[in-house]
Amino acid sequence: MLYDTGARLSEILLLKRKDLDLITTEPYVWLHGKGNKQRIVPLMDK
């Protein structure tokens, strides 16, 4: 996850189960970054 999302460690450790959407046709993760900014990062199939 650190590599595939390019996320900061703090962003990965803040991840909760609800931040993942693996059912949609284009799976993604919600990351909570610096300054309470959020962004969507797509996830690779593997």
All heavy atoms as atom14 arrays in JSON, in Angstrom:
{
  "sequence": "MLYDTGARLSEILLLKRKDLDLITTEPYVWLHGKGNKQRIVPLMDK",
  "atom14_mask": [
    [1, 1, 1, 1, 1, 1, 1, 1, 0, 0, 0, 0, 0, 0],
    [1, 1, 1, 1, 1, 1, 1, 1, 0, 0, 0, 0, 0, 0],
    [1, 1, 1, 1, 1, 1, 1, 1, 1, 1, 1, 1, 0, 0],
    [1, 1, 1, 1, 1, 1, 1, 1, 0, 0, 0, 0, 0, 0],
    [1, 1, 1, 1, 1, 1, 1, 0, 0, 0, 0, 0, 0, 0],
    [1, 1, 1, 1, 0, 0, 0, 0, 0, 0, 0, 0, 0, 0],
    [1, 1, 1, 1, 1, 0, 0, 0, 0, 0, 0, 0, 0, 0],
    [1, 1, 1, 1, 1, 1, 1, 1, 1, 1, 1, 0, 0, 0],
    [1, 1, 1, 1, 1, 1, 1, 1, 0, 0, 0, 0, 0, 0],
    [1, 1, 1, 1, 1, 1, 0, 0, 0, 0, 0, 0, 0, 0],
    [1, 1, 1, 1, 1, 1, 1, 1, 1, 0, 0, 0, 0, 0],
    [1, 1, 1, 1, 1, 1, 1, 1, 0, 0, 0, 0, 0, 0],
    [1, 1, 1, 1, 1, 1, 1, 1, 0, 0, 0, 0, 0, 0],
    [1, 1, 1, 1, 1, 1, 1, 1, 0, 0, 0, 0, 0, 0],
    [1, 1, 1, 1, 1, 1, 1, 1, 0, 0, 0, 0, 0, 0],
    [1, 1, 1, 1, 1, 1, 1, 1, 1, 0, 0, 0, 0, 0],
    [1, 1, 1, 1, 1, 1, 1, 1, 1, 1, 1, 0, 0, 0],
    [1, 1, 1, 1, 1, 1, 1, 1, 1, 0, 0, 0, 0, 0],
    [1, 1, 1, 1, 1, 1, 1, 1, 0, 0, 0, 0, 0, 0],
    [1, 1, 1, 1, 1, 1, 1, 1, 0, 0, 0, 0, 0, 0],
    [1, 1, 1, 1, 1, 1, 1, 1, 0, 0, 0, 0, 0, 0],
    [1, 1, 1, 1, 1, 1, 1, 1, 0, 0, 0, 0, 0, 0],
    [1, 1, 1, 1, 1, 1, 1, 1, 0, 0, 0, 0, 0, 0],
    [1, 1, 1, 1, 1, 1, 1, 0, 0, 0, 0, 0, 0, 0],
    [1, 1, 1, 1, 1, 1, 1, 0, 0, 0, 0, 0, 0, 0],
    [1, 1, 1, 1, 1, 1, 1, 1, 1, 0, 0, 0, 0, 0],
    [1, 1, 1, 1, 1, 1, 1, 0, 0, 0, 0, 0, 0, 0],
    [1, 1, 1, 1, 1, 1, 1, 1, 1, 1, 1, 1, 0, 0],
    [1, 1, 1, 1, 1, 1, 1, 0, 0, 0, 0, 0, 0, 0],
    [1, 1, 1, 1, 1, 1, 1, 1, 1, 1, 1, 1, 1, 1],
    [1, 1, 1, 1, 1, 1, 1, 1, 0, 0, 0, 0, 0, 0],
    [1, 1, 1, 1, 1, 1, 1, 1, 1, 1, 0, 0, 0, 0],
    [1, 1, 1, 1, 0, 0, 0, 0, 0, 0, 0, 0, 0, 0],
    [1, 1, 1, 1, 1, 1, 1, 1, 1, 0, 0, 0, 0, 0],
    [1, 1, 1, 1, 0, 0, 0, 0, 0, 0, 0, 0, 0, 0],
    [1, 1, 1, 1, 1, 1, 1, 1, 0, 0, 0, 0, 0, 0],
    [1, 1, 1, 1, 1, 1, 1, 1, 1, 0, 0, 0, 0, 0],
    [1, 1, 1, 1, 1, 1, 1, 1, 1, 0, 0, 0, 0, 0],
    [1, 1, 1, 1, 1, 1, 1, 1, 1, 1, 1, 0, 0, 0],
    [1, 1, 1, 1, 1, 1, 1, 1, 0, 0, 0, 0, 0, 0],
    [1, 1, 1, 1, 1, 1, 1, 0, 0, 0, 0, 0, 0, 0],
    [1, 1, 1, 1, 1, 1, 1, 0, 0, 0, 0, 0, 0, 0],
    [1, 1, 1, 1, 1, 1, 1, 1, 0, 0, 0, 0, 0, 0],
    [1, 1, 1, 1, 1, 1, 1, 1, 0, 0, 0, 0, 0, 0],
    [1, 1, 1, 1, 1, 1, 1, 1, 0, 0, 0, 0, 0, 0],
    [1, 1, 1, 1, 1, 1, 1, 1, 1, 0, 0, 0, 0, 0]
  ],
  "atom14_positions": [
    [[0.83, -1.2, 0.0], [0.0, 0.0, 0.0], [0.87, 1.26, 0.0], [0.53, 2.25, -0.67], [-0.94, -0.01, 1.21], [-2.09, -0.98, 1.08], [-3.26, -0.52, -0.22], [-4.1, 0.86, 0.56], [0.0, 0.0, 0.0], [0.0, 0.0, 0.0], [0.0, 0.0, 0.0], [0.0, 0.0, 0.0], [0.0, 0.0, 0.0], [0.0, 0.0, 0.0]],
    [[1.96, 1.24, 0.74], [2.88, 2.38, 0.73], [3.37, 2.66, -0.69], [3.44, 3.81, -1.12], [4.07, 2.11, 1.65], [3.86, 2.29, 3.16], [5.06, 1.75, 3.92], [3.64, 3.76, 3.51], [0.0, 0.0, 0.0], [0.0, 0.0, 0.0], [0.0, 0.0, 0.0], [0.0, 0.0, 0.0], [0.0, 0.0, 0.0], [0.0, 0.0, 0.0]],
    [[3.7, 1.6, -1.4], [4.24, 1.77, -2.76], [3.14, 2.07, -3.78], [3.24, 3.01, -4.56], [5.02, 0.53, -3.18], [5.54, 0.63, -4.59], [6.63, 1.46, -4.9], [4.95, -0.08, -5.64], [7.11, 1.58, -6.2], [5.42, 0.04, -6.94], [6.5, 0.86, -7.22], [6.96, 0.99, -8.51], [0.0, 0.0, 0.0], [0.0, 0.0, 0.0]],
    [[2.08, 1.26, -3.77], [1.07, 1.37, -4.82], [0.33, 2.7, -4.77], [-0.03, 3.27, -5.8], [0.06, 0.22, -4.69], [-0.79, 0.06, -5.94], [-0.27, 0.28, -7.04], [-1.99, -0.25, -5.81], [0.0, 0.0, 0.0], [0.0, 0.0, 0.0], [0.0, 0.0, 0.0], [0.0, 0.0, 0.0], [0.0, 0.0, 0.0], [0.0, 0.0, 0.0]],
    [[0.1, 3.23, -3.56], [-0.63, 4.49, -3.44], [0.31, 5.7, -3.4], [-0.15, 6.84, -3.54], [-1.49, 4.51, -2.17], [-0.63, 4.46, -1.02], [-2.45, 3.33, -2.14], [0.0, 0.0, 0.0], [0.0, 0.0, 0.0], [0.0, 0.0, 0.0], [0.0, 0.0, 0.0], [0.0, 0.0, 0.0], [0.0, 0.0, 0.0], [0.0, 0.0, 0.0]],
    [[1.61, 5.47, -3.15], [2.54, 6.58, -3.0], [2.21, 7.44, -1.8], [2.54, 8.63, -1.75], [0.0, 0.0, 0.0], [0.0, 0.0, 0.0], [0.0, 0.0, 0.0], [0.0, 0.0, 0.0], [0.0, 0.0, 0.0], [0.0, 0.0, 0.0], [0.0, 0.0, 0.0], [0.0, 0.0, 0.0], [0.0, 0.0, 0.0], [0.0, 0.0, 0.0]],
    [[1.56, 6.84, -0.8], [1.08, 7.6, 0.35], [2.18, 7.81, 1.39], [3.16, 7.06, 1.45], [-0.1, 6.88, 1.0], [0.0, 0.0, 0.0], [0.0, 0.0, 0.0], [0.0, 0.0, 0.0], [0.0, 0.0, 0.0], [0.0, 0.0, 0.0], [0.0, 0.0, 0.0], [0.0, 0.0, 0.0], [0.0, 0.0, 0.0], [0.0, 0.0, 0.0]],
    [[1.99, 8.84, 2.19], [2.84, 9.04, 3.35], [2.48, 7.98, 4.4], [1.33, 7.5, 4.44], [2.64, 10.44, 3.95], [2.87, 11.56, 2.95], [2.5, 12.91, 3.57], [2.69, 14.01, 2.63], [1.75, 14.47, 1.8], [0.55, 13.91, 1.81], [2.01, 15.48, 0.98], [0.0, 0.0, 0.0], [0.0, 0.0, 0.0], [0.0, 0.0, 0.0]],
    [[3.42, 7.66, 5.28], [3.15, 6.67, 6.31], [1.96, 7.08, 7.18], [1.11, 6.25, 7.51], [4.4, 6.46, 7.19], [4.23, 5.5, 8.36], [3.78, 4.12, 7.9], [5.52, 5.4, 9.17], [0.0, 0.0, 0.0], [0.0, 0.0, 0.0], [0.0, 0.0, 0.0], [0.0, 0.0, 0.0], [0.0, 0.0, 0.0], [0.0, 0.0, 0.0]],
    [[1.9, 8.36, 7.54], [0.79, 8.83, 8.38], [-0.56, 8.6, 7.7], [-1.56, 8.28, 8.36], [0.97, 10.31, 8.71], [1.03, 11.09, 7.52], [0.0, 0.0, 0.0], [0.0, 0.0, 0.0], [0.0, 0.0, 0.0], [0.0, 0.0, 0.0], [0.0, 0.0, 0.0], [0.0, 0.0, 0.0], [0.0, 0.0, 0.0], [0.0, 0.0, 0.0]],
    [[-0.6, 8.74, 6.37], [-1.84, 8.54, 5.62], [-2.25, 7.07, 5.63], [-3.44, 6.75, 5.72], [-1.66, 9.04, 4.19], [-1.46, 10.54, 4.1], [-1.08, 11.02, 2.7], [-0.6, 10.19, 1.89], [-1.23, 12.22, 2.42], [0.0, 0.0, 0.0], [0.0, 0.0, 0.0], [0.0, 0.0, 0.0], [0.0, 0.0, 0.0], [0.0, 0.0, 0.0]],
    [[-1.27, 6.17, 5.54], [-1.57, 4.74, 5.56], [-2.07, 4.31, 6.93], [-3.03, 3.53, 7.06], [-0.32, 3.92, 5.16], [0.01, 4.15, 3.68], [-0.54, 2.43, 5.42], [-1.04, 3.68, 2.71], [0.0, 0.0, 0.0], [0.0, 0.0, 0.0], [0.0, 0.0, 0.0], [0.0, 0.0, 0.0], [0.0, 0.0, 0.0], [0.0, 0.0, 0.0]],
    [[-1.44, 4.82, 7.98], [-1.81, 4.41, 9.33], [-3.17, 4.99, 9.75], [-3.81, 4.47, 10.67], [-0.74, 4.83, 10.33], [0.62, 4.15, 10.14], [1.59, 4.56, 11.24], [0.48, 2.63, 10.1], [0.0, 0.0, 0.0], [0.0, 0.0, 0.0], [0.0, 0.0, 0.0], [0.0, 0.0, 0.0], [0.0, 0.0, 0.0], [0.0, 0.0, 0.0]],
    [[-3.61, 6.06, 9.09], [-4.93, 6.63, 9.37], [-6.06, 5.92, 8.63], [-7.24, 6.16, 8.91], [-4.95, 8.12, 9.0], [-4.28, 9.09, 9.97], [-4.25, 10.5, 9.37], [-4.97, 9.11, 11.32], [0.0, 0.0, 0.0], [0.0, 0.0, 0.0], [0.0, 0.0, 0.0], [0.0, 0.0, 0.0], [0.0, 0.0, 0.0], [0.0, 0.0, 0.0]],
    [[-5.7, 5.06, 7.68], [-6.72, 4.39, 6.87], [-7.64, 3.53, 7.72], [-7.2, 2.79, 8.6], [-6.06, 3.5, 5.81], [-5.55, 4.17, 4.54], [-4.92, 3.13, 3.63], [-6.68, 4.88, 3.82], [0.0, 0.0, 0.0], [0.0, 0.0, 0.0], [0.0, 0.0, 0.0], [0.0, 0.0, 0.0], [0.0, 0.0, 0.0], [0.0, 0.0, 0.0]],
    [[-8.93, 3.65, 7.45], [-9.93, 2.79, 8.09], [-10.6, 1.94, 7.01], [-10.49, 2.22, 5.82], [-10.95, 3.63, 8.85], [-10.33, 4.39, 10.03], [-11.37, 5.14, 10.82], [-10.73, 5.83, 12.03], [-11.72, 6.59, 12.82], [0.0, 0.0, 0.0], [0.0, 0.0, 0.0], [0.0, 0.0, 0.0], [0.0, 0.0, 0.0], [0.0, 0.0, 0.0]],
    [[-11.29, 0.93, 7.47], [-11.94, 0.01, 6.52], [-12.88, 0.77, 5.57], [-12.97, 0.44, 4.39], [-12.72, -1.04, 7.33], [-13.49, -2.04, 6.5], [-12.6, -2.91, 5.67], [-13.37, -3.73, 4.76], [-13.77, -3.36, 3.57], [-13.48, -2.13, 3.12], [-14.45, -4.16, 2.8], [0.0, 0.0, 0.0], [0.0, 0.0, 0.0], [0.0, 0.0, 0.0]],
    [[-13.53, 1.82, 6.07], [-14.49, 2.57, 5.27], [-13.83, 3.38, 4.16], [-14.5, 3.85, 3.24], [-15.3, 3.51, 6.17], [-14.47, 4.61, 6.81], [-15.31, 5.52, 7.68], [-14.49, 6.65, 8.3], [-15.3, 7.54, 9.14], [0.0, 0.0, 0.0], [0.0, 0.0, 0.0], [0.0, 0.0, 0.0], [0.0, 0.0, 0.0], [0.0, 0.0, 0.0]],
    [[-12.5, 3.58, 4.24], [-11.8, 4.39, 3.24], [-11.49, 3.63, 1.95], [-10.98, 4.21, 1.0], [-10.48, 4.92, 3.83], [-10.71, 5.88, 4.98], [-11.67, 6.68, 4.89], [-9.96, 5.84, 5.97], [0.0, 0.0, 0.0], [0.0, 0.0, 0.0], [0.0, 0.0, 0.0], [0.0, 0.0, 0.0], [0.0, 0.0, 0.0], [0.0, 0.0, 0.0]],
    [[-11.81, 2.35, 1.93], [-11.57, 1.52, 0.74], [-12.89, 1.24, 0.02], [-13.89, 0.92, 0.65], [-10.93, 0.18, 1.13], [-9.55, 0.21, 1.78], [-9.18, -1.19, 2.26], [-8.51, 0.71, 0.8], [0.0, 0.0, 0.0], [0.0, 0.0, 0.0], [0.0, 0.0, 0.0], [0.0, 0.0, 0.0], [0.0, 0.0, 0.0], [0.0, 0.0, 0.0]],
    [[-12.85, 1.35, -1.29], [-13.97, 0.9, -2.11], [-13.41, -0.07, -3.14], [-12.82, 0.33, -4.14], [-14.65, 2.08, -2.81], [-15.97, 1.68, -3.45], [-16.16, 0.48, -3.7], [-16.8, 2.57, -3.69], [0.0, 0.0, 0.0], [0.0, 0.0, 0.0], [0.0, 0.0, 0.0], [0.0, 0.0, 0.0], [0.0, 0.0, 0.0], [0.0, 0.0, 0.0]],
    [[-13.6, -1.36, -2.85], [-13.04, -2.41, -3.7], [-14.09, -3.07, -4.59], [-13.76, -3.94, -5.39], [-12.37, -3.49, -2.82], [-11.36, -3.0, -1.79], [-10.8, -4.17, -1.0], [-10.24, -2.22, -2.47], [0.0, 0.0, 0.0], [0.0, 0.0, 0.0], [0.0, 0.0, 0.0], [0.0, 0.0, 0.0], [0.0, 0.0, 0.0], [0.0, 0.0, 0.0]],
    [[-15.34, -2.62, -4.45], [-16.43, -3.25, -5.2], [-16.68, -2.55, -6.53], [-17.08, -3.16, -7.51], [-17.73, -3.26, -4.36], [-17.49, -4.01, -3.05], [-18.87, -3.91, -5.12], [-18.67, -3.99, -2.1], [0.0, 0.0, 0.0], [0.0, 0.0, 0.0], [0.0, 0.0, 0.0], [0.0, 0.0, 0.0], [0.0, 0.0, 0.0], [0.0, 0.0, 0.0]],
    [[-16.45, -1.26, -6.59], [-16.7, -0.48, -7.8], [-15.84, -0.98, -8.96], [-14.86, -1.7, -8.75], [-16.42, 1.01, -7.55], [-16.71, 1.75, -8.72], [-14.97, 1.22, -7.16], [0.0, 0.0, 0.0], [0.0, 0.0, 0.0], [0.0, 0.0, 0.0], [0.0, 0.0, 0.0], [0.0, 0.0, 0.0], [0.0, 0.0, 0.0], [0.0, 0.0, 0.0]],
    [[-16.21, -0.59, -10.17], [-15.45, -1.03, -11.35], [-14.04, -0.44, -11.37], [-13.15, -0.99, -12.01], [-16.19, -0.62, -12.64], [-16.45, 0.79, -12.6], [-17.5, -1.38, -12.76], [0.0, 0.0, 0.0], [0.0, 0.0, 0.0], [0.0, 0.0, 0.0], [0.0, 0.0, 0.0], [0.0, 0.0, 0.0], [0.0, 0.0, 0.0], [0.0, 0.0, 0.0]],
    [[-13.86, 0.68, -10.7], [-12.54, 1.3, -10.59], [-12.21, 1.5, -9.11], [-12.43, 2.57, -8.55], [-12.5, 2.64, -11.34], [-12.73, 2.49, -12.85], [-12.66, 3.83, -13.57], [-12.51, 4.86, -12.89], [-12.78, 3.84, -14.81], [0.0, 0.0, 0.0], [0.0, 0.0, 0.0], [0.0, 0.0, 0.0], [0.0, 0.0, 0.0], [0.0, 0.0, 0.0]],
    [[-11.68, 0.47, -8.46], [-11.42, 0.52, -7.02], [-10.48, 1.66, -6.64], [-9.59, 2.03, -7.4], [-10.77, -0.84, -6.73], [-11.25, -1.72, -7.83], [-11.32, -0.83, -9.04], [0.0, 0.0, 0.0], [0.0, 0.0, 0.0], [0.0, 0.0, 0.0], [0.0, 0.0, 0.0], [0.0, 0.0, 0.0], [0.0, 0.0, 0.0], [0.0, 0.0, 0.0]],
    [[-10.7, 2.22, -5.46], [-9.89, 3.35, -5.01], [-9.81, 3.37, -3.49], [-10.52, 2.63, -2.79], [-10.49, 4.67, -5.53], [-11.86, 4.98, -5.0], [-12.06, 5.61, -3.76], [-13.0, 4.62, -5.74], [-13.32, 5.9, -3.28], [-14.28, 4.9, -5.25], [-14.43, 5.53, -4.03], [-15.68, 5.79, -3.55], [0.0, 0.0, 0.0], [0.0, 0.0, 0.0]],
    [[-8.95, 4.25, -2.98], [-8.81, 4.46, -1.56], [-8.85, 5.97, -1.28], [-8.32, 6.76, -2.05], [-7.5, 3.84, -1.02], [-6.28, 4.41, -1.74], [-7.35, 4.04, 0.49], [0.0, 0.0, 0.0], [0.0, 0.0, 0.0], [0.0, 0.0, 0.0], [0.0, 0.0, 0.0], [0.0, 0.0, 0.0], [0.0, 0.0, 0.0], [0.0, 0.0, 0.0]],
    [[-9.5, 6.34, -0.18], [-9.51, 7.73, 0.28], [-8.32, 7.93, 1.2], [-8.19, 7.22, 2.21], [-10.79, 8.03, 1.07], [-11.95, 8.49, 0.25], [-13.02, 7.76, -0.15], [-12.17, 9.82, -0.25], [-13.89, 8.53, -0.88], [-13.4, 9.8, -0.96], [-11.44, 11.01, -0.19], [-13.92, 10.92, -1.57], [-11.97, 12.13, -0.81], [-13.19, 12.09, -1.48]],
    [[-7.46, 8.88, 0.88], [-6.32, 9.19, 1.73], [-6.55, 10.54, 2.41], [-7.02, 11.49, 1.78], [-5.02, 9.24, 0.92], [-4.54, 7.91, 0.33], [-3.29, 8.13, -0.52], [-4.25, 6.89, 1.42], [0.0, 0.0, 0.0], [0.0, 0.0, 0.0], [0.0, 0.0, 0.0], [0.0, 0.0, 0.0], [0.0, 0.0, 0.0], [0.0, 0.0, 0.0]],
    [[-6.2, 10.61, 3.68], [-6.35, 11.84, 4.46], [-4.96, 12.42, 4.67], [-4.18, 11.93, 5.48], [-7.03, 11.54, 5.79], [-8.33, 10.8, 5.63], [-9.53, 11.45, 5.44], [-8.61, 9.47, 5.58], [-10.5, 10.55, 5.3], [-9.97, 9.34, 5.38], [0.0, 0.0, 0.0], [0.0, 0.0, 0.0], [0.0, 0.0, 0.0], [0.0, 0.0, 0.0]],
    [[-4.64, 13.48, 3.91], [-3.28, 14.0, 3.87], [-3.04, 15.17, 4.79], [-3.81, 15.43, 5.73], [0.0, 0.0, 0.0], [0.0, 0.0, 0.0], [0.0, 0.0, 0.0], [0.0, 0.0, 0.0], [0.0, 0.0, 0.0], [0.0, 0.0, 0.0], [0.0, 0.0, 0.0], [0.0, 0.0, 0.0], [0.0, 0.0, 0.0], [0.0, 0.0, 0.0]],
    [[-1.97, 15.91, 4.5], [-1.58, 17.06, 5.32], [-2.65, 18.14, 5.26], [-3.3, 18.34, 4.23], [-0.26, 17.64, 4.81], [0.96, 16.78, 5.11], [2.22, 17.48, 4.65], [3.47, 16.7, 5.03], [4.7, 17.41, 4.6], [0.0, 0.0, 0.0], [0.0, 0.0, 0.0], [0.0, 0.0, 0.0], [0.0, 0.0, 0.0], [0.0, 0.0, 0.0]],
    [[-2.82, 18.82, 6.38], [-3.79, 19.91, 6.43], [-5.22, 19.45, 6.24], [-6.06, 20.18, 5.73], [0.0, 0.0, 0.0], [0.0, 0.0, 0.0], [0.0, 0.0, 0.0], [0.0, 0.0, 0.0], [0.0, 0.0, 0.0], [0.0, 0.0, 0.0], [0.0, 0.0, 0.0], [0.0, 0.0, 0.0], [0.0, 0.0, 0.0], [0.0, 0.0, 0.0]],
    [[-5.49, 18.19, 6.65], [-6.83, 17.61, 6.54], [-7.33, 17.55, 5.1], [-8.54, 17.5, 4.84], [-7.84, 18.39, 7.4], [-7.53, 18.28, 8.89], [-7.12, 17.23, 9.36], [-7.7, 19.38, 9.61], [0.0, 0.0, 0.0], [0.0, 0.0, 0.0], [0.0, 0.0, 0.0], [0.0, 0.0, 0.0], [0.0, 0.0, 0.0], [0.0, 0.0, 0.0]],
    [[-6.4, 17.56, 4.14], [-6.79, 17.45, 2.74], [-7.0, 15.97, 2.39], [-6.27, 15.11, 2.85], [-5.72, 18.04, 1.84], [-5.54, 19.55, 2.03], [-4.39, 20.06, 1.17], [-4.16, 21.56, 1.4], [-2.99, 22.06, 0.66], [0.0, 0.0, 0.0], [0.0, 0.0, 0.0], [0.0, 0.0, 0.0], [0.0, 0.0, 0.0], [0.0, 0.0, 0.0]],
    [[-8.01, 15.73, 1.57], [-8.31, 14.36, 1.17], [-8.14, 14.21, -0.32], [-8.32, 15.16, -1.09], [-9.75, 14.0, 1.58], [-10.0, 14.05, 3.08], [-11.42, 13.65, 3.44], [-12.24, 13.36, 2.57], [-11.72, 13.62, 4.72], [0.0, 0.0, 0.0], [0.0, 0.0, 0.0], [0.0, 0.0, 0.0], [0.0, 0.0, 0.0], [0.0, 0.0, 0.0]],
    [[-7.8, 13.0, -0.74], [-7.69, 12.72, -2.17], [-8.01, 11.25, -2.43], [-7.85, 10.4, -1.55], [-6.29, 13.06, -2.69], [-5.17, 12.16, -2.18], [-3.82, 12.68, -2.68], [-2.71, 11.8, -2.35], [-2.1, 11.76, -1.18], [-2.5, 12.56, -0.2], [-1.09, 10.94, -0.96], [0.0, 0.0, 0.0], [0.0, 0.0, 0.0], [0.0, 0.0, 0.0]],
    [[-8.47, 10.99, -3.63], [-8.77, 9.62, -4.05], [-7.6, 9.1, -4.88], [-7.12, 9.78, -5.78], [-10.07, 9.58, -4.89], [-11.27, 9.89, -4.01], [-10.24, 8.22, -5.55], [-12.58, 9.92, -4.76], [0.0, 0.0, 0.0], [0.0, 0.0, 0.0], [0.0, 0.0, 0.0], [0.0, 0.0, 0.0], [0.0, 0.0, 0.0], [0.0, 0.0, 0.0]],
    [[-7.15, 7.9, -4.55], [-6.06, 7.27, -5.3], [-6.55, 5.93, -5.83], [-7.04, 5.1, -5.05], [-4.81, 7.07, -4.42], [-3.74, 6.28, -5.15], [-4.25, 8.41, -3.96], [0.0, 0.0, 0.0], [0.0, 0.0, 0.0], [0.0, 0.0, 0.0], [0.0, 0.0, 0.0], [0.0, 0.0, 0.0], [0.0, 0.0, 0.0], [0.0, 0.0, 0.0]],
    [[-6.47, 5.69, -7.13], [-6.91, 4.4, -7.68], [-5.99, 3.28, -7.24], [-4.79, 3.49, -7.0], [-6.84, 4.63, -9.19], [-5.83, 5.72, -9.37], [-5.95, 6.6, -8.17], [0.0, 0.0, 0.0], [0.0, 0.0, 0.0], [0.0, 0.0, 0.0], [0.0, 0.0, 0.0], [0.0, 0.0, 0.0], [0.0, 0.0, 0.0], [0.0, 0.0, 0.0]],
    [[-6.53, 2.08, -7.17], [-5.76, 0.91, -6.76], [-5.58, -0.03, -7.95], [-6.51, -0.24, -8.74], [-6.47, 0.17, -5.63], [-6.6, 0.94, -4.31], [-7.55, 0.21, -3.36], [-5.23, 1.12, -3.66], [0.0, 0.0, 0.0], [0.0, 0.0, 0.0], [0.0, 0.0, 0.0], [0.0, 0.0, 0.0], [0.0, 0.0, 0.0], [0.0, 0.0, 0.0]],
    [[-4.4, -0.59, -8.07], [-4.12, -1.53, -9.14], [-4.83, -2.87, -8.88], [-5.1, -3.24, -7.73], [-2.62, -1.75, -9.27], [-1.83, -0.49, -9.6], [-2.28, 0.3, -11.17], [-3.35, 1.63, -10.62], [0.0, 0.0, 0.0], [0.0, 0.0, 0.0], [0.0, 0.0, 0.0], [0.0, 0.0, 0.0], [0.0, 0.0, 0.0], [0.0, 0.0, 0.0]],
    [[-5.12, -3.61, -9.95], [-5.9, -4.85, -9.83], [-5.26, -5.86, -8.88], [-5.94, -6.48, -8.06], [-6.06, -5.49, -11.21], [-6.95, -4.65, -12.13], [-7.72, -3.82, -11.59], [-6.88, -4.82, -13.35], [0.0, 0.0, 0.0], [0.0, 0.0, 0.0], [0.0, 0.0, 0.0], [0.0, 0.0, 0.0], [0.0, 0.0, 0.0], [0.0, 0.0, 0.0]],
    [[-3.93, -6.01, -8.97], [-3.25, -6.97, -8.11], [-3.36, -6.55, -6.65], [-3.56, -7.38, -5.75], [-1.78, -7.11, -8.52], [-1.03, -8.19, -7.76], [0.38, -8.35, -8.27], [1.12, -9.45, -7.51], [2.52, -9.62, -8.02], [0.0, 0.0, 0.0], [0.0, 0.0, 0.0], [0.0, 0.0, 0.0], [0.0, 0.0, 0.0], [0.0, 0.0, 0.0]]
  ]
}
